[in-house]
Protein backbone atom coordinates (compact mmCIF):
# COMPACT_ATOMS: atom_id res chain seq x y z
CA UNK A 1 2.78 53.65 -54.07
CA UNK A 2 0.59 51.54 -51.79
CA UNK A 3 -3.19 51.14 -52.09
CA UNK A 4 -5.16 53.69 -50.10
CA UNK A 5 -8.61 55.07 -49.33
CA UNK A 6 -8.89 58.83 -48.98
CA UNK A 7 -12.01 60.11 -47.21
CA UNK A 8 -12.39 63.83 -46.55
CA UNK A 9 -16.07 64.79 -46.81
CA UNK A 10 -15.90 68.06 -44.85
CA UNK A 11 -17.30 71.11 -46.60
CA UNK A 12 -14.92 74.01 -45.97
CA UNK A 13 -16.25 77.58 -46.10
CA UNK A 14 -13.13 79.75 -46.17
CA UNK A 15 -12.41 83.46 -46.15
CA UNK A 16 -13.30 86.85 -44.74
CA UNK A 17 -16.79 87.36 -43.31
CA UNK A 18 -17.81 83.72 -43.78
CA UNK A 19 -18.85 83.00 -40.18
CA UNK A 20 -22.48 84.13 -40.71
CA UNK A 21 -22.88 81.17 -43.10
CA UNK A 22 -22.74 78.62 -40.27
CA UNK A 23 -26.45 78.85 -39.43
CA UNK A 24 -27.40 78.24 -43.05
CA UNK A 25 -25.14 75.17 -43.09
CA UNK A 26 -26.90 73.60 -40.11
CA UNK A 27 -30.35 74.53 -41.35
CA UNK A 28 -29.63 73.00 -44.77
CA UNK A 29 -29.08 69.68 -43.02
CA UNK A 30 -32.32 69.96 -41.09
CA UNK A 31 -30.72 70.80 -37.73
CA UNK A 32 -32.95 72.71 -35.33
CA UNK A 33 -31.23 72.07 -31.97
CA UNK A 34 -27.48 72.26 -31.32
CA UNK A 35 -25.00 72.66 -28.49
CA UNK A 36 -22.27 75.25 -28.99
CA UNK A 37 -18.93 74.20 -27.47
CA UNK A 38 -16.33 76.91 -26.81
CA UNK A 39 -13.07 77.60 -25.02
CA UNK A 40 -11.84 80.31 -22.71
CA UNK A 41 -13.81 83.34 -23.82
CA UNK A 42 -11.87 84.94 -26.68
CA UNK A 43 -14.83 84.43 -29.01
CA UNK A 44 -16.73 87.02 -26.98
CA UNK A 45 -13.98 89.60 -27.53
CA UNK A 46 -13.35 89.15 -31.24
CA UNK A 47 -16.98 89.15 -32.39
CA UNK A 48 -17.11 85.48 -33.31
CA UNK A 49 -19.70 84.52 -30.68
CA UNK A 50 -22.06 87.28 -31.76
CA UNK A 51 -21.70 86.36 -35.44
CA UNK A 52 -22.36 82.68 -34.75
CA UNK A 53 -25.34 83.12 -32.44
CA UNK A 54 -26.98 85.69 -34.71
CA UNK A 55 -26.62 83.29 -37.63
CA UNK A 56 -28.17 80.46 -35.64
CA UNK A 57 -31.10 82.64 -34.58
CA UNK A 58 -31.63 83.86 -38.13
CA UNK A 59 -32.08 80.28 -39.28
CA UNK A 60 -34.29 79.21 -36.38
CA UNK A 61 -31.75 77.01 -34.63
CA UNK A 62 -32.02 76.68 -30.85
CA UNK A 63 -28.59 76.51 -29.21
CA UNK A 64 -27.38 75.80 -25.71
CA UNK A 65 -23.78 76.71 -24.86
CA UNK A 66 -20.93 75.34 -22.81
CA UNK A 67 -17.50 76.97 -22.54
CA UNK A 68 -14.33 76.39 -20.60
CA UNK A 69 -12.59 73.89 -22.87
CA UNK A 70 -8.84 74.17 -22.22
CA UNK A 71 -5.83 73.33 -24.33
CA UNK A 72 -5.00 69.66 -23.82
CA UNK A 73 -8.78 69.11 -23.34
CA UNK A 74 -9.94 67.27 -20.23
CA UNK A 75 -12.20 64.26 -19.91
CA UNK A 76 -14.16 65.95 -17.11
CA UNK A 77 -15.19 68.80 -19.43
CA UNK A 78 -15.98 66.31 -22.19
CA UNK A 79 -18.37 64.52 -19.84
CA UNK A 80 -20.05 67.84 -19.05
CA UNK A 81 -20.59 68.48 -22.75
CA UNK A 82 -22.09 65.03 -23.23
CA UNK A 83 -24.48 65.60 -20.32
CA UNK A 84 -25.64 68.85 -21.90
CA UNK A 85 -26.07 67.26 -25.33
CA UNK A 86 -28.26 64.53 -23.89
CA UNK A 87 -30.24 66.94 -21.74
CA UNK A 88 -30.88 69.27 -24.65
CA UNK A 89 -31.74 66.43 -27.02
CA UNK A 90 -29.31 68.08 -29.39
CA UNK A 91 -29.23 67.10 -33.03
CA UNK A 92 -25.71 68.41 -33.65
CA UNK A 93 -22.57 69.72 -31.97
CA UNK A 94 -21.13 73.09 -33.00
CA UNK A 95 -17.46 73.66 -32.17
CA UNK A 96 -16.45 77.33 -32.01
CA UNK A 97 -12.76 77.59 -31.19
CA UNK A 98 -9.45 75.90 -31.90
CA UNK A 99 -8.33 72.30 -32.03
CA UNK A 100 -9.07 71.49 -28.40
CA UNK A 101 -12.65 72.71 -28.79
CA UNK A 102 -13.07 70.67 -31.98
CA UNK A 103 -11.61 67.56 -30.34
CA UNK A 104 -13.97 67.93 -27.38
CA UNK A 105 -16.97 68.49 -29.64
CA UNK A 106 -16.14 65.47 -31.80
CA UNK A 107 -15.63 63.17 -28.82
CA UNK A 108 -18.85 64.48 -27.27
CA UNK A 109 -20.69 63.75 -30.51
CA UNK A 110 -19.96 60.05 -30.15
CA UNK A 111 -20.47 60.05 -26.39
CA UNK A 112 -23.93 61.58 -26.73
CA UNK A 113 -25.18 58.44 -28.49
CA UNK A 114 -23.56 55.97 -26.06
CA UNK A 115 -24.97 54.74 -22.76
CA UNK A 116 -21.59 54.04 -21.16
CA UNK A 117 -18.64 56.30 -20.34
CA UNK A 118 -17.03 58.02 -23.31
CA UNK A 119 -13.54 56.95 -22.19
CA UNK A 120 -14.52 53.41 -23.22
CA UNK A 121 -13.88 54.47 -26.82
CA UNK A 122 -10.38 55.75 -26.06
CA UNK A 123 -9.24 52.64 -24.20
CA UNK A 124 -10.78 50.18 -26.66
CA UNK A 125 -13.67 48.91 -24.55
CA UNK A 126 -16.19 50.18 -27.10
CA UNK A 127 -16.12 50.68 -30.87
CA UNK A 128 -17.23 53.95 -32.43
CA UNK A 129 -20.27 53.25 -34.57
CA UNK A 130 -22.19 56.51 -34.65
CA UNK A 131 -22.00 60.15 -33.64
CA UNK A 132 -24.02 63.31 -33.84
CA UNK A 133 -23.04 65.51 -36.79
CA UNK A 134 -20.29 68.01 -35.99
CA UNK A 135 -20.07 71.52 -37.40
CA UNK A 136 -17.43 74.11 -36.62
CA UNK A 137 -16.14 77.65 -36.73
CA UNK A 138 -12.35 77.61 -36.44
CA UNK A 139 -10.66 80.40 -34.49
CA UNK A 140 -7.11 79.00 -34.15
CA UNK A 141 -5.32 76.88 -36.75
CA UNK A 142 -2.92 74.02 -36.15
CA UNK A 143 -4.49 70.64 -35.46
CA UNK A 144 -6.59 70.14 -38.62
CA UNK A 145 -9.32 68.78 -36.34
CA UNK A 146 -11.72 70.86 -38.44
CA UNK A 147 -11.22 68.42 -41.33
CA UNK A 148 -10.05 65.11 -39.89
CA UNK A 149 -11.36 62.07 -38.07
CA UNK A 150 -9.44 62.31 -34.80
CA UNK A 151 -9.96 63.62 -31.29
CA UNK A 152 -7.48 63.75 -28.41
CA UNK A 153 -8.54 63.96 -24.75
CA UNK A 154 -6.69 63.82 -21.41
CA UNK A 155 -7.99 61.78 -18.47
CA UNK A 156 -6.82 63.77 -15.47
CA UNK A 157 -6.76 61.04 -12.84
CA UNK A 158 -3.95 59.06 -14.47
CA UNK A 159 -2.64 61.68 -16.94
CA UNK A 160 -3.53 59.58 -19.97
CA UNK A 161 -3.74 61.67 -23.14
CA UNK A 162 -5.12 59.39 -25.82
CA UNK A 163 -6.56 59.71 -29.30
CA UNK A 164 -9.55 58.21 -31.05
CA UNK A 165 -10.17 58.11 -34.79
CA UNK A 166 -13.29 57.25 -36.77
CA UNK A 167 -14.90 58.37 -40.03
CA UNK A 168 -18.04 59.34 -38.09
CA UNK A 169 -16.05 62.07 -36.30
CA UNK A 170 -15.18 64.01 -39.46
CA UNK A 171 -16.95 67.40 -39.29
CA UNK A 172 -19.66 67.98 -41.87
CA UNK A 173 -18.98 71.70 -42.32
CA UNK A 174 -16.17 73.90 -41.02
CA UNK A 175 -16.01 77.67 -41.43
CA UNK A 176 -12.54 79.24 -41.46
CA UNK A 177 -12.25 83.03 -41.41
CA UNK A 178 -8.51 83.66 -41.08
CA UNK A 179 -9.05 87.30 -40.13
CA UNK A 180 -10.36 86.38 -36.66
CA UNK A 181 -6.97 84.81 -35.87
CA UNK A 182 -5.18 88.16 -36.12
CA UNK A 183 -5.64 88.72 -32.38
CA UNK A 184 -4.19 85.36 -31.31
CA UNK A 185 -1.21 85.53 -28.95
CA UNK A 186 2.05 85.12 -30.84
CA UNK A 187 2.84 81.94 -28.92
CA UNK A 188 -0.43 80.36 -30.05
CA UNK A 189 0.21 81.15 -33.71
CA UNK A 190 3.70 79.67 -33.39
CA UNK A 191 2.57 76.59 -31.49
CA UNK A 192 -0.23 75.88 -33.95
CA UNK A 193 2.08 76.27 -36.91
CA UNK A 194 4.68 73.94 -35.41
CA UNK A 195 1.98 71.35 -34.73
CA UNK A 196 0.96 71.46 -38.39
CA UNK A 197 4.55 71.19 -39.64
CA UNK A 198 5.09 68.09 -37.50
CA UNK A 199 1.88 66.54 -38.85
CA UNK A 200 3.31 66.72 -42.35
CA UNK A 201 6.73 65.48 -41.24
CA UNK A 202 5.21 62.45 -39.53
CA UNK A 203 3.82 61.35 -42.88
CA UNK A 204 6.85 62.46 -44.90
CA UNK A 205 9.32 60.21 -43.11
CA UNK A 206 7.45 57.06 -44.24
CA UNK A 207 8.33 56.80 -47.91
CA UNK A 208 8.36 54.22 -50.69
CA UNK A 209 8.79 54.12 -54.49
CA UNK A 210 6.16 56.06 -56.45
CA UNK A 211 5.59 58.76 -53.85
CA UNK A 212 7.44 61.63 -55.52
CA UNK A 213 4.32 63.76 -55.99
CA UNK A 214 3.10 63.17 -52.44
CA UNK A 215 6.54 64.03 -51.07
CA UNK A 216 6.70 67.15 -53.24
CA UNK A 217 3.26 68.13 -51.91
CA UNK A 218 4.43 67.67 -48.33
CA UNK A 219 7.53 69.76 -48.96
CA UNK A 220 5.39 72.54 -50.43
CA UNK A 221 3.22 72.58 -47.32
CA UNK A 222 6.26 72.66 -45.03
CA UNK A 223 7.95 75.45 -46.98
CA UNK A 224 4.79 77.56 -47.05
CA UNK A 225 4.23 77.21 -43.30
CA UNK A 226 7.87 77.88 -42.49
CA UNK A 227 7.67 81.04 -44.57
CA UNK A 228 4.37 82.30 -43.17
CA UNK A 229 4.85 81.76 -39.43
CA UNK A 230 7.73 84.28 -39.09
CA UNK A 231 5.76 86.77 -41.18
CA UNK A 232 2.88 86.53 -38.70
CA UNK A 233 5.23 86.92 -35.75
CA UNK A 234 6.26 90.26 -37.27
CA UNK A 235 2.79 91.28 -38.48
CA UNK A 236 -0.11 89.33 -36.91
CA UNK A 237 -2.65 91.19 -39.05
CA UNK A 238 -1.17 90.14 -42.42
CA UNK A 239 -4.29 88.56 -43.92
CA UNK A 240 -2.59 86.79 -46.83
CA UNK A 241 -0.02 85.19 -44.53
CA UNK A 242 -2.74 84.29 -42.04
CA UNK A 243 -4.96 82.79 -44.75
CA UNK A 244 -2.21 80.69 -46.31
CA UNK A 245 -1.05 79.38 -42.95
CA UNK A 246 -4.62 78.54 -41.94
CA UNK A 247 -5.24 76.58 -45.13
CA UNK A 248 -1.90 74.78 -44.91
CA UNK A 249 -2.68 73.80 -41.31
CA UNK A 250 -5.99 72.32 -42.44
CA UNK A 251 -4.35 70.33 -45.24
CA UNK A 252 -1.47 69.17 -43.04
CA UNK A 253 -3.48 66.51 -41.21
CA UNK A 254 -6.59 65.82 -43.27
CA UNK A 255 -5.16 62.56 -44.65
CA UNK A 256 -3.82 63.76 -47.99
CA UNK A 257 -0.20 63.81 -46.80
CA UNK A 258 -0.54 60.19 -45.68
CA UNK A 259 -1.78 58.53 -48.87
CA UNK A 260 0.12 55.76 -50.65
CA UNK A 261 2.53 55.05 -47.81
CA UNK A 262 3.31 51.62 -46.30
CA UNK A 263 2.24 53.16 -42.97
CA UNK A 264 0.16 56.33 -42.63
CA UNK A 265 2.95 57.97 -40.68
CA UNK A 266 5.22 57.68 -37.68
CA UNK A 267 3.36 59.13 -34.73
CA UNK A 268 5.88 58.34 -32.00
CA UNK A 269 6.69 62.03 -31.50
CA UNK A 270 3.02 62.84 -30.96
CA UNK A 271 2.58 59.93 -28.55
CA UNK A 272 5.57 61.02 -26.47
CA UNK A 273 4.43 64.64 -26.54
CA UNK A 274 0.96 63.59 -25.40
CA UNK A 275 2.55 62.21 -22.24
CA UNK A 276 4.58 65.38 -21.77
CA UNK A 277 1.58 67.70 -22.12
CA UNK A 278 -0.71 65.44 -20.09
CA UNK A 279 1.66 65.68 -17.11
CA UNK A 280 3.04 69.22 -17.51
CA UNK A 281 0.28 70.94 -19.53
CA UNK A 282 2.79 72.20 -22.10
CA UNK A 283 1.19 73.67 -25.27
CA UNK A 284 1.03 70.86 -27.81
CA UNK A 285 3.07 72.54 -30.54
CA UNK A 286 5.70 73.61 -28.02
CA UNK A 287 6.05 70.03 -26.86
CA UNK A 288 6.47 68.85 -30.44
CA UNK A 289 9.19 71.45 -31.09
CA UNK A 290 11.05 69.81 -28.22
CA UNK A 291 10.31 66.14 -28.92
CA UNK A 292 10.32 65.77 -32.70
CA UNK A 293 13.95 66.80 -33.41
CA UNK A 294 15.12 64.55 -30.57
CA UNK A 295 13.10 61.64 -31.96
CA UNK A 296 14.49 62.31 -35.44
CA UNK A 297 18.06 62.23 -34.12
CA UNK A 298 17.31 58.86 -32.54
CA UNK A 299 15.79 57.13 -35.60
CA UNK A 300 17.13 58.88 -38.71
CA UNK A 301 19.64 56.15 -39.58
CA UNK A 302 16.71 53.77 -40.16
CA UNK A 303 15.41 56.03 -42.97
CA UNK A 304 18.46 58.09 -43.88
CA UNK A 305 17.56 58.76 -47.54
CA UNK A 306 14.27 60.48 -46.65
CA UNK A 307 15.95 62.55 -43.93
CA UNK A 308 18.64 63.55 -46.43
CA UNK A 309 15.91 64.59 -48.87
CA UNK A 310 14.32 66.69 -46.12
CA UNK A 311 17.66 68.32 -45.36
CA UNK A 312 18.28 69.11 -49.03
CA UNK A 313 14.85 70.26 -50.15
CA UNK A 314 13.77 72.18 -47.04
CA UNK A 315 17.02 73.40 -45.51
CA UNK A 316 19.37 73.42 -48.51
CA UNK A 317 21.81 70.96 -46.89
CA UNK A 318 22.95 69.10 -50.02
CA UNK A 319 26.64 68.37 -49.59
CA UNK A 320 29.05 66.83 -47.14
CA UNK A 321 28.86 64.19 -44.46
CA UNK A 322 26.02 63.98 -41.96
CA UNK A 323 23.48 65.75 -44.15
CA UNK A 324 20.49 64.11 -42.49
CA UNK A 325 21.61 65.06 -38.99
CA UNK A 326 22.44 68.60 -40.08
CA UNK A 327 18.94 68.93 -41.52
CA UNK A 328 17.38 67.77 -38.26
CA UNK A 329 19.42 70.30 -36.33
CA UNK A 330 18.34 73.00 -38.79
CA UNK A 331 14.71 72.10 -38.01
CA UNK A 332 15.37 72.55 -34.29
CA UNK A 333 17.02 75.91 -34.94
CA UNK A 334 14.05 77.01 -37.03
CA UNK A 335 11.72 76.25 -34.12
CA UNK A 336 14.08 78.16 -31.82
CA UNK A 337 14.07 81.14 -34.20
CA UNK A 338 10.29 81.40 -33.72
CA UNK A 339 10.79 81.85 -29.99
CA UNK A 340 9.66 78.34 -29.13
CA UNK A 341 11.37 76.34 -26.39
CA UNK A 342 13.32 73.43 -27.87
CA UNK A 343 14.42 71.64 -24.69
CA UNK A 344 12.51 70.07 -21.81
CA UNK A 345 14.56 72.13 -19.39
CA UNK A 346 13.07 75.32 -20.85
CA UNK A 347 9.50 74.27 -19.97
CA UNK A 348 10.28 73.37 -16.37
CA UNK A 349 10.78 69.63 -16.65
CA UNK A 350 13.36 68.27 -14.21
CA UNK A 351 15.78 65.49 -15.08
CA UNK A 352 14.15 63.18 -12.55
CA UNK A 353 10.78 63.69 -14.29
CA UNK A 354 11.95 61.89 -17.44
CA UNK A 355 11.31 58.30 -16.26
CA UNK A 356 7.73 59.18 -15.38
CA UNK A 357 7.10 60.70 -18.81
CA UNK A 358 8.62 57.60 -20.41
CA UNK A 359 6.43 55.32 -18.30
CA UNK A 360 3.34 57.26 -19.36
CA UNK A 361 4.22 57.16 -23.06
CA UNK A 362 5.11 53.47 -22.90
CA UNK A 363 1.50 52.60 -22.00
CA UNK A 364 0.91 52.53 -25.77
CA UNK A 365 4.27 50.98 -26.75
CA UNK A 366 5.62 49.90 -29.12
CA UNK A 367 5.45 53.27 -30.83
CA UNK A 368 6.47 54.33 -34.30
CA UNK A 369 6.98 53.05 -37.83
CA UNK A 370 10.45 54.22 -38.89
CA UNK A 371 11.62 52.22 -35.90
CA UNK A 372 9.52 50.52 -33.24
CA UNK A 373 10.43 52.05 -29.91
CA UNK A 374 9.84 50.88 -26.35
CA UNK A 375 10.16 52.51 -22.95
CA UNK A 376 13.97 52.61 -22.88
CA UNK A 377 14.06 54.18 -26.35
CA UNK A 378 11.54 56.79 -25.22
CA UNK A 379 13.70 57.60 -22.20
CA UNK A 380 16.76 58.12 -24.42
CA UNK A 381 14.77 60.44 -26.69
CA UNK A 382 13.66 62.44 -23.66
CA UNK A 383 17.26 62.65 -22.46
CA UNK A 384 18.28 64.01 -25.87
CA UNK A 385 15.43 66.53 -25.66
CA UNK A 386 16.48 67.65 -22.20
């Protein structure tokens, strides 16, 4: 096991009817002015908006609001949020929504205290030193943005979908009431669950001696999510299934799966998918269901023992030749069984689009840790995924 620092200071308030506690959380930290960041309007239909705003009013917190954050969040909307934060002299940002809303809120929190353009942080022109405190009410699980230090944003003009990470972006308090997710579209539950599974797998594939407990922990997360997602496809209102999946999604990418490894993970699949969803606006988890198995097929020989362990302990593939590859194919079939597309062709990508996606992803090359990959490797992975 390698040396590591684990930092996860977010206070999680979890369970039924917990949303009214958000106002108390802000007030306890002395917050009196906040900007509420939201998505496409579902929070007005499921009662979340009313619960949040009533809680803020009860605790004397003035709030301005901005909605319209989309999946694969856009830089243009992020800039609008920053403008509002500065104009309101906000003391905090309150994300009410899913991962895209949290990512936008977190990026806006750092942009609000910066005189330049927020994209400077994403392209390395500026270092993140400070941010407004971020609070959140989660309405769709998957990204773990409610408990991690990252934010991902797409710049529309050149279709760059890039990530930023800093300890100052970790939310202070996140409220998770799984019951409000019962009305999510099936595709969103599936996509979010797949995203979380891939987060764990990206850590899992980077192994070393002394990591048995961490690997066992990762396998437990994967098994639980793989069990719960189909249950929610059949019965979206199953609270116990919804609660366990929500908590697993939070734990999947809060840093605990990454500890003790020689590299925190292999994020090549995510980087390639970012290019896919930046250009084609594919749901993030859907893109990962397509890209990750193809990436695994390309690199598994460089870490065959860990892929064989995955095949054995998750998919029961313990005997015979080609166990690692059979396990990877079982993962793809699991994603397919959830109704997710598993090929680029299924989401409308043409064969002649592949070089452009590869060019976009290669802006950040070399990618990966199991194997360092460049543009030509990315293109071969895309061809496998086609």
